[in-house]
Amino acid sequence: MKATFAVRKDLDMGKGKIAVQVAHAAVIMALNSDKKTLRKWLEDGQKKVALWAKDEAEIIQLELKARELGVPFYEVRDAGLTQLPPDTLTCVGFGPSEEDVVDKITGHLKLI
């Protein structure tokens, strides 16, 4: 089991901002995953990877692939209180799901 988090590189967010956006995605994921899948992911060690997505267009393509493969995904949109305009798509969490399936979506992205 694995979860991945694709963060938009084009937004030039600070390190702290990136960390918080990924944390938001992880919390949203945990709260919205079905209990059986969440339990399996937790028992398997909660594997998670943070990755760079080029821009919003690339994130949309990743979401389309996730939808095609039946992998849940969770968008994070910024409130606009600090570095970004309100409702800016910053990060998307994919999974948790079987690692080989998640890798079909985000396996080509570079690590943050």
C-alpha atoms as a PDB file:
ATOM      1  CA  MET A   1       0.000   0.000   0.000  1.00  0.00           C
ATOM      2  CA  LYS A   2       1.184   3.487  -0.844  1.00  0.00           C
ATOM      3  CA  ALA A   3       0.082   7.100  -0.957  1.00  0.00           C
ATOM      4  CA  THR A   4       1.703   9.762  -3.097  1.00  0.00           C
ATOM      5  CA  PHE A   5       1.411  13.523  -2.969  1.00  0.00           C
ATOM      6  CA  ALA A   6       1.927  15.595  -6.113  1.00  0.00           C
ATOM      7  CA  VAL A   7       2.872  19.208  -5.387  1.00  0.00           C
ATOM      8  CA  ARG A   8       2.837  21.942  -8.027  1.00  0.00           C
ATOM      9  CA  LYS A   9       6.375  23.083  -8.733  1.00  0.00           C
ATOM     10  CA  ASP A  10       5.296  26.154 -10.721  1.00  0.00           C
ATOM     11  CA  LEU A  11       3.903  27.863  -7.610  1.00  0.00           C
ATOM     12  CA  ASP A  12       7.352  28.317  -6.055  1.00  0.00           C
ATOM     13  CA  MET A  13       6.022  27.706  -2.531  1.00  0.00           C
ATOM     14  CA  GLY A  14       8.368  27.861   0.438  1.00  0.00           C
ATOM     15  CA  LYS A  15       9.436  24.638   2.170  1.00  0.00           C
ATOM     16  CA  GLY A  16       7.069  25.199   5.067  1.00  0.00           C
ATOM     17  CA  LYS A  17       4.151  25.914   2.747  1.00  0.00           C
ATOM     18  CA  ILE A  18       4.859  22.700   0.818  1.00  0.00           C
ATOM     19  CA  ALA A  19       5.005  20.696   4.044  1.00  0.00           C
ATOM     20  CA  VAL A  20       1.671  22.083   5.193  1.00  0.00           C
ATOM     21  CA  GLN A  21      -0.021  21.438   1.836  1.00  0.00           C
ATOM     22  CA  VAL A  22       1.129  17.790   1.881  1.00  0.00           C
ATOM     23  CA  ALA A  23      -0.030  17.514   5.501  1.00  0.00           C
ATOM     24  CA  HIS A  24      -3.453  18.850   4.498  1.00  0.00           C
ATOM     25  CA  ALA A  25      -3.664  16.216   1.754  1.00  0.00           C
ATOM     26  CA  ALA A  26      -2.651  13.424   4.157  1.00  0.00           C
ATOM     27  CA  VAL A  27      -5.279  14.444   6.715  1.00  0.00           C
ATOM     28  CA  ILE A  28      -7.989  14.736   4.056  1.00  0.00           C
ATOM     29  CA  MET A  29      -6.946  11.317   2.730  1.00  0.00           C
ATOM     30  CA  ALA A  30      -7.066   9.675   6.147  1.00  0.00           C
ATOM     31  CA  LEU A  31     -10.473  11.163   6.957  1.00  0.00           C
ATOM     32  CA  ASN A  32     -12.014  10.159   3.613  1.00  0.00           C
ATOM     33  CA  SER A  33     -10.485   6.742   2.907  1.00  0.00           C
ATOM     34  CA  ASP A  34     -12.644   3.709   3.468  1.00  0.00           C
ATOM     35  CA  LYS A  35     -11.826   2.088   6.810  1.00  0.00           C
ATOM     36  CA  LYS A  36     -10.571  -1.210   5.386  1.00  0.00           C
ATOM     37  CA  THR A  37      -8.127   0.469   2.991  1.00  0.00           C
ATOM     38  CA  LEU A  38      -6.953   2.942   5.626  1.00  0.00           C
ATOM     39  CA  ARG A  39      -6.363   0.154   8.145  1.00  0.00           C
ATOM     40  CA  LYS A  40      -4.335  -1.859   5.612  1.00  0.00           C
ATOM     41  CA  TRP A  41      -2.229   1.194   4.710  1.00  0.00           C
ATOM     42  CA  LEU A  42      -1.601   1.963   8.384  1.00  0.00           C
ATOM     43  CA  GLU A  43      -0.664  -1.645   9.133  1.00  0.00           C
ATOM     44  CA  ASP A  44       1.683  -1.708   6.119  1.00  0.00           C
ATOM     45  CA  GLY A  45       3.666   1.258   7.486  1.00  0.00           C
ATOM     46  CA  GLN A  46       1.861   4.195   5.855  1.00  0.00           C
ATOM     47  CA  LYS A  47       4.219   4.462   2.866  1.00  0.00           C
ATOM     48  CA  LYS A  48       4.007   7.956   1.426  1.00  0.00           C
ATOM     49  CA  VAL A  49       6.042   9.867  -1.123  1.00  0.00           C
ATOM     50  CA  ALA A  50       6.072  13.603  -1.972  1.00  0.00           C
ATOM     51  CA  LEU A  51       6.616  14.383  -5.651  1.00  0.00           C
ATOM     52  CA  TRP A  52       6.820  17.353  -7.994  1.00  0.00           C
ATOM     53  CA  ALA A  53       4.121  17.985 -10.580  1.00  0.00           C
ATOM     54  CA  LYS A  54       5.038  20.550 -13.232  1.00  0.00           C
ATOM     55  CA  ASP A  55       1.817  22.580 -13.007  1.00  0.00           C
ATOM     56  CA  GLU A  56      -1.959  22.417 -12.655  1.00  0.00           C
ATOM     57  CA  ALA A  57      -2.354  20.873 -16.115  1.00  0.00           C
ATOM     58  CA  GLU A  58      -0.130  17.968 -15.126  1.00  0.00           C
ATOM     59  CA  ILE A  59      -2.086  17.477 -11.906  1.00  0.00           C
ATOM     60  CA  ILE A  60      -5.327  17.316 -13.891  1.00  0.00           C
ATOM     61  CA  GLN A  61      -3.790  14.608 -16.101  1.00  0.00           C
ATOM     62  CA  LEU A  62      -2.745  12.664 -12.990  1.00  0.00           C
ATOM     63  CA  GLU A  63      -6.284  12.931 -11.629  1.00  0.00           C
ATOM     64  CA  LEU A  64      -7.715  11.621 -14.905  1.00  0.00           C
ATOM     65  CA  LYS A  65      -5.380   8.609 -14.717  1.00  0.00           C
ATOM     66  CA  ALA A  66      -6.352   8.024 -11.076  1.00  0.00           C
ATOM     67  CA  ARG A  67     -10.034   8.149 -11.969  1.00  0.00           C
ATOM     68  CA  GLU A  68      -9.415   5.670 -14.823  1.00  0.00           C
ATOM     69  CA  LEU A  69      -7.641   3.265 -12.419  1.00  0.00           C
ATOM     70  CA  GLY A  70     -10.150   3.718  -9.596  1.00  0.00           C
ATOM     71  CA  VAL A  71      -7.626   5.276  -7.207  1.00  0.00           C
ATOM     72  CA  PRO A  72      -9.045   7.903  -4.854  1.00  0.00           C
ATOM     73  CA  PHE A  73      -7.448  11.338  -4.887  1.00  0.00           C
ATOM     74  CA  TYR A  74      -7.802  14.367  -2.690  1.00  0.00           C
ATOM     75  CA  GLU A  75      -7.171  17.946  -3.803  1.00  0.00           C
ATOM     76  CA  VAL A  76      -5.813  20.682  -1.585  1.00  0.00           C
ATOM     77  CA  ARG A  77      -6.796  24.228  -2.470  1.00  0.00           C
ATOM     78  CA  ASP A  78      -5.167  27.063  -0.588  1.00  0.00           C
ATOM     79  CA  ALA A  79      -7.235  29.460   1.513  1.00  0.00           C
ATOM     80  CA  GLY A  80      -5.199  32.385   0.190  1.00  0.00           C
ATOM     81  CA  LEU A  81      -4.097  33.746   3.552  1.00  0.00           C
ATOM     82  CA  THR A  82      -0.340  33.830   2.888  1.00  0.00           C
ATOM     83  CA  GLN A  83       1.593  33.126  -0.325  1.00  0.00           C
ATOM     84  CA  LEU A  84      -1.122  32.232  -2.844  1.00  0.00           C
ATOM     85  CA  PRO A  85      -4.464  33.499  -4.155  1.00  0.00           C
ATOM     86  CA  PRO A  86      -7.570  31.836  -2.668  1.00  0.00           C
ATOM     87  CA  ASP A  87      -8.625  28.490  -4.181  1.00  0.00           C
ATOM     88  CA  THR A  88      -5.217  27.772  -5.774  1.00  0.00           C
ATOM     89  CA  LEU A  89      -4.774  24.035  -6.366  1.00  0.00           C
ATOM     90  CA  THR A  90      -1.493  23.255  -4.597  1.00  0.00           C
ATOM     91  CA  CYS A  91      -1.310  19.527  -3.987  1.00  0.00           C
ATOM     92  CA  VAL A  92      -3.145  16.273  -4.629  1.00  0.00           C
ATOM     93  CA  GLY A  93      -2.906  13.077  -2.614  1.00  0.00           C
ATOM     94  CA  PHE A  94      -3.362   9.757  -4.434  1.00  0.00           C
ATOM     95  CA  GLY A  95      -4.348   6.598  -2.578  1.00  0.00           C
ATOM     96  CA  PRO A  96      -3.767   4.905  -0.379  1.00  0.00           C
ATOM     97  CA  SER A  97      -3.906   2.030  -2.799  1.00  0.00           C
ATOM     98  CA  GLU A  98      -1.807  -0.864  -3.995  1.00  0.00           C
ATOM     99  CA  GLU A  99       1.704   0.404  -4.701  1.00  0.00           C
ATOM    100  CA  ASP A 100       1.878  -0.863  -8.271  1.00  0.00           C
ATOM    101  CA  VAL A 101      -1.380   0.898  -9.132  1.00  0.00           C
ATOM    102  CA  VAL A 102      -0.358   4.216  -7.551  1.00  0.00           C
ATOM    103  CA  ASP A 103       2.958   4.014  -9.416  1.00  0.00           C
ATOM    104  CA  LYS A 104       1.026   3.912 -12.711  1.00  0.00           C
ATOM    105  CA  ILE A 105      -0.211   7.400 -11.842  1.00  0.00           C
ATOM    106  CA  THR A 106       2.764   9.124 -10.239  1.00  0.00           C
ATOM    107  CA  GLY A 107       5.721   6.781 -10.752  1.00  0.00           C
ATOM    108  CA  HIS A 108       7.287   9.047 -13.378  1.00  0.00           C
ATOM    109  CA  LEU A 109       7.385  12.151 -11.155  1.00  0.00           C
ATOM    110  CA  LYS A 110      10.565  13.336  -9.409  1.00  0.00           C
ATOM    111  CA  LEU A 111      10.936  13.302  -5.628  1.00  0.00           C
ATOM    112  CA  ILE A 112      10.740  16.625  -3.822  1.00  0.00           C
END
